[in-house]
Amino acid sequence: MAASEREGIWSLHAGIFPENTASIALHASCGFHHVGVRERVGEMDGQWRDIVLLERRSDVVGV
């Protein structure tokens, strides 16, 4: 995240399968917020799955 801010990137996104609660919690602890659910955009084992969309926006002024 620090490297992205140094490069002027102010918004990071993550898409995670809903049952992966550990990853969702880890992202939340890093400042990511729940944005919504994208339906049938991630494929796993031949099935199209929903993903939870998370976003983190920089607090650094000037980014």
N, C-alpha and C. Protein backbone atom coordinates (compact mmCIF):
# COMPACT_ATOMS: atom_id res chain seq x y z
N MET A 1 0.82 -1.18 0.00
CA MET A 1 0.00 0.00 0.00
C MET A 1 0.87 1.25 0.00
N ALA A 2 1.94 1.22 0.77
CA ALA A 2 2.82 2.39 0.80
C ALA A 2 3.44 2.64 -0.57
N ALA A 3 3.83 1.58 -1.26
CA ALA A 3 4.41 1.74 -2.60
C ALA A 3 3.40 2.33 -3.57
N SER A 4 2.14 1.89 -3.46
CA SER A 4 1.12 2.43 -4.36
C SER A 4 0.92 3.93 -4.10
N GLU A 5 0.95 4.33 -2.84
CA GLU A 5 0.81 5.74 -2.52
C GLU A 5 1.99 6.56 -3.03
N ARG A 6 3.21 6.00 -2.92
CA ARG A 6 4.38 6.70 -3.45
C ARG A 6 4.27 6.90 -4.95
N GLU A 7 3.59 6.00 -5.63
CA GLU A 7 3.42 6.08 -7.08
C GLU A 7 2.19 6.90 -7.48
N GLY A 8 1.49 7.46 -6.50
CA GLY A 8 0.34 8.30 -6.79
C GLY A 8 -0.96 7.54 -7.01
N ILE A 9 -0.97 6.27 -6.66
CA ILE A 9 -2.20 5.47 -6.78
C ILE A 9 -3.00 5.67 -5.50
N TRP A 10 -4.22 6.16 -5.63
CA TRP A 10 -5.00 6.54 -4.45
C TRP A 10 -6.12 5.56 -4.12
N SER A 11 -6.38 4.58 -5.00
CA SER A 11 -7.48 3.65 -4.76
C SER A 11 -7.05 2.23 -5.12
N LEU A 12 -7.22 1.31 -4.17
CA LEU A 12 -6.92 -0.11 -4.39
C LEU A 12 -8.21 -0.91 -4.28
N HIS A 13 -8.38 -1.90 -5.13
CA HIS A 13 -9.59 -2.73 -5.11
C HIS A 13 -9.21 -4.19 -4.92
N ALA A 14 -10.09 -4.94 -4.28
CA ALA A 14 -9.91 -6.38 -4.11
C ALA A 14 -11.25 -7.07 -4.35
N GLY A 15 -11.21 -8.23 -4.98
CA GLY A 15 -12.39 -9.05 -5.17
C GLY A 15 -12.16 -10.40 -4.52
N ILE A 16 -13.01 -10.76 -3.57
CA ILE A 16 -12.79 -11.95 -2.74
C ILE A 16 -14.07 -12.77 -2.70
N PHE A 17 -13.92 -14.09 -2.78
CA PHE A 17 -15.09 -14.97 -2.64
C PHE A 17 -15.70 -14.76 -1.25
N PRO A 18 -17.02 -14.68 -1.15
CA PRO A 18 -17.68 -14.33 0.11
C PRO A 18 -17.34 -15.24 1.30
N GLU A 19 -17.11 -16.51 1.05
CA GLU A 19 -16.82 -17.42 2.17
C GLU A 19 -15.40 -17.29 2.70
N ASN A 20 -14.56 -16.51 2.01
CA ASN A 20 -13.18 -16.32 2.46
C ASN A 20 -13.14 -15.20 3.50
N THR A 21 -13.74 -15.49 4.64
CA THR A 21 -13.90 -14.47 5.68
C THR A 21 -12.56 -14.03 6.27
N ALA A 22 -11.57 -14.92 6.29
CA ALA A 22 -10.26 -14.53 6.81
C ALA A 22 -9.63 -13.45 5.93
N SER A 23 -9.72 -13.61 4.62
CA SER A 23 -9.16 -12.60 3.71
C SER A 23 -9.93 -11.29 3.80
N ILE A 24 -11.25 -11.38 3.91
CA ILE A 24 -12.05 -10.17 4.04
C ILE A 24 -11.68 -9.43 5.33
N ALA A 25 -11.49 -10.17 6.42
CA ALA A 25 -11.10 -9.56 7.70
C ALA A 25 -9.70 -8.94 7.61
N LEU A 26 -8.78 -9.62 6.94
CA LEU A 26 -7.42 -9.09 6.77
C LEU A 26 -7.47 -7.78 5.99
N HIS A 27 -8.21 -7.76 4.89
CA HIS A 27 -8.33 -6.53 4.11
C HIS A 27 -8.96 -5.41 4.94
N ALA A 28 -9.99 -5.74 5.71
CA ALA A 28 -10.63 -4.73 6.56
C ALA A 28 -9.64 -4.15 7.56
N SER A 29 -8.78 -5.00 8.11
CA SER A 29 -7.78 -4.52 9.08
C SER A 29 -6.75 -3.61 8.42
N CYS A 30 -6.65 -3.66 7.09
CA CYS A 30 -5.72 -2.81 6.34
C CYS A 30 -6.42 -1.58 5.76
N GLY A 31 -7.67 -1.35 6.15
CA GLY A 31 -8.37 -0.15 5.74
C GLY A 31 -9.28 -0.30 4.54
N PHE A 32 -9.49 -1.53 4.08
CA PHE A 32 -10.42 -1.75 2.96
C PHE A 32 -11.86 -1.72 3.48
N HIS A 33 -12.76 -1.21 2.65
CA HIS A 33 -14.18 -1.11 3.00
C HIS A 33 -15.01 -1.88 1.99
N HIS A 34 -16.11 -2.45 2.45
CA HIS A 34 -17.03 -3.19 1.59
C HIS A 34 -17.72 -2.22 0.64
N VAL A 35 -17.63 -2.49 -0.66
CA VAL A 35 -18.26 -1.65 -1.66
C VAL A 35 -19.53 -2.31 -2.18
N GLY A 36 -19.49 -3.62 -2.36
CA GLY A 36 -20.65 -4.32 -2.87
C GLY A 36 -20.31 -5.74 -3.26
N VAL A 37 -21.21 -6.35 -4.01
CA VAL A 37 -21.02 -7.71 -4.50
C VAL A 37 -21.15 -7.69 -6.01
N ARG A 38 -20.19 -8.28 -6.68
CA ARG A 38 -20.28 -8.43 -8.14
C ARG A 38 -20.71 -9.86 -8.39
N GLU A 39 -21.75 -10.02 -9.17
CA GLU A 39 -22.34 -11.34 -9.39
C GLU A 39 -21.69 -12.06 -10.56
N ARG A 40 -21.34 -13.32 -10.30
CA ARG A 40 -20.85 -14.24 -11.33
C ARG A 40 -19.67 -13.68 -12.13
N VAL A 41 -18.65 -13.20 -11.44
CA VAL A 41 -17.48 -12.67 -12.14
C VAL A 41 -16.19 -13.43 -11.85
N GLY A 42 -16.20 -14.29 -10.85
CA GLY A 42 -15.02 -15.09 -10.52
C GLY A 42 -15.30 -16.56 -10.78
N GLU A 43 -14.38 -17.21 -11.48
CA GLU A 43 -14.58 -18.63 -11.77
C GLU A 43 -13.72 -19.49 -10.86
N MET A 44 -14.34 -20.54 -10.30
CA MET A 44 -13.62 -21.49 -9.46
C MET A 44 -14.22 -22.87 -9.69
N ASP A 45 -13.38 -23.82 -10.03
CA ASP A 45 -13.82 -25.19 -10.27
C ASP A 45 -14.93 -25.27 -11.32
N GLY A 46 -14.79 -24.44 -12.36
CA GLY A 46 -15.75 -24.48 -13.46
C GLY A 46 -17.08 -23.80 -13.19
N GLN A 47 -17.23 -23.17 -12.03
CA GLN A 47 -18.47 -22.47 -11.70
C GLN A 47 -18.20 -20.98 -11.56
N TRP A 48 -19.10 -20.16 -12.13
CA TRP A 48 -18.98 -18.72 -11.99
C TRP A 48 -19.53 -18.32 -10.63
N ARG A 49 -18.78 -17.50 -9.92
CA ARG A 49 -19.08 -17.17 -8.53
C ARG A 49 -19.19 -15.68 -8.33
N ASP A 50 -19.91 -15.29 -7.30
CA ASP A 50 -19.96 -13.89 -6.88
C ASP A 50 -18.66 -13.56 -6.15
N ILE A 51 -18.31 -12.29 -6.14
CA ILE A 51 -17.19 -11.83 -5.32
C ILE A 51 -17.62 -10.61 -4.52
N VAL A 52 -17.03 -10.47 -3.35
CA VAL A 52 -17.20 -9.27 -2.53
C VAL A 52 -16.18 -8.26 -3.02
N LEU A 53 -16.63 -7.06 -3.33
CA LEU A 53 -15.74 -6.01 -3.81
C LEU A 53 -15.37 -5.10 -2.64
N LEU A 54 -14.06 -4.96 -2.42
CA LEU A 54 -13.54 -4.12 -1.35
C LEU A 54 -12.68 -3.02 -1.97
N GLU A 55 -12.60 -1.89 -1.29
CA GLU A 55 -11.82 -0.77 -1.79
C GLU A 55 -11.09 -0.09 -0.63
N ARG A 56 -9.88 0.37 -0.92
CA ARG A 56 -9.13 1.19 0.04
C ARG A 56 -8.70 2.45 -0.68
N ARG A 57 -9.05 3.59 -0.10
CA ARG A 57 -8.63 4.87 -0.67
C ARG A 57 -7.58 5.49 0.25
N SER A 58 -6.59 6.10 -0.36
CA SER A 58 -5.48 6.68 0.37
C SER A 58 -5.93 7.86 1.22
N ASP A 59 -5.33 7.97 2.39
CA ASP A 59 -5.53 9.14 3.26
C ASP A 59 -4.43 10.17 3.07
N VAL A 60 -3.46 9.85 2.22
CA VAL A 60 -2.30 10.72 2.02
C VAL A 60 -2.72 11.93 1.19
N VAL A 61 -2.44 13.11 1.69
CA VAL A 61 -2.78 14.34 0.98
C VAL A 61 -1.89 14.46 -0.24
N GLY A 62 -2.49 14.81 -1.36
CA GLY A 62 -1.73 15.00 -2.59
C GLY A 62 -1.64 13.78 -3.47
N VAL A 63 -2.22 12.68 -3.02
CA VAL A 63 -2.23 11.47 -3.85
C VAL A 63 -3.45 11.50 -4.70
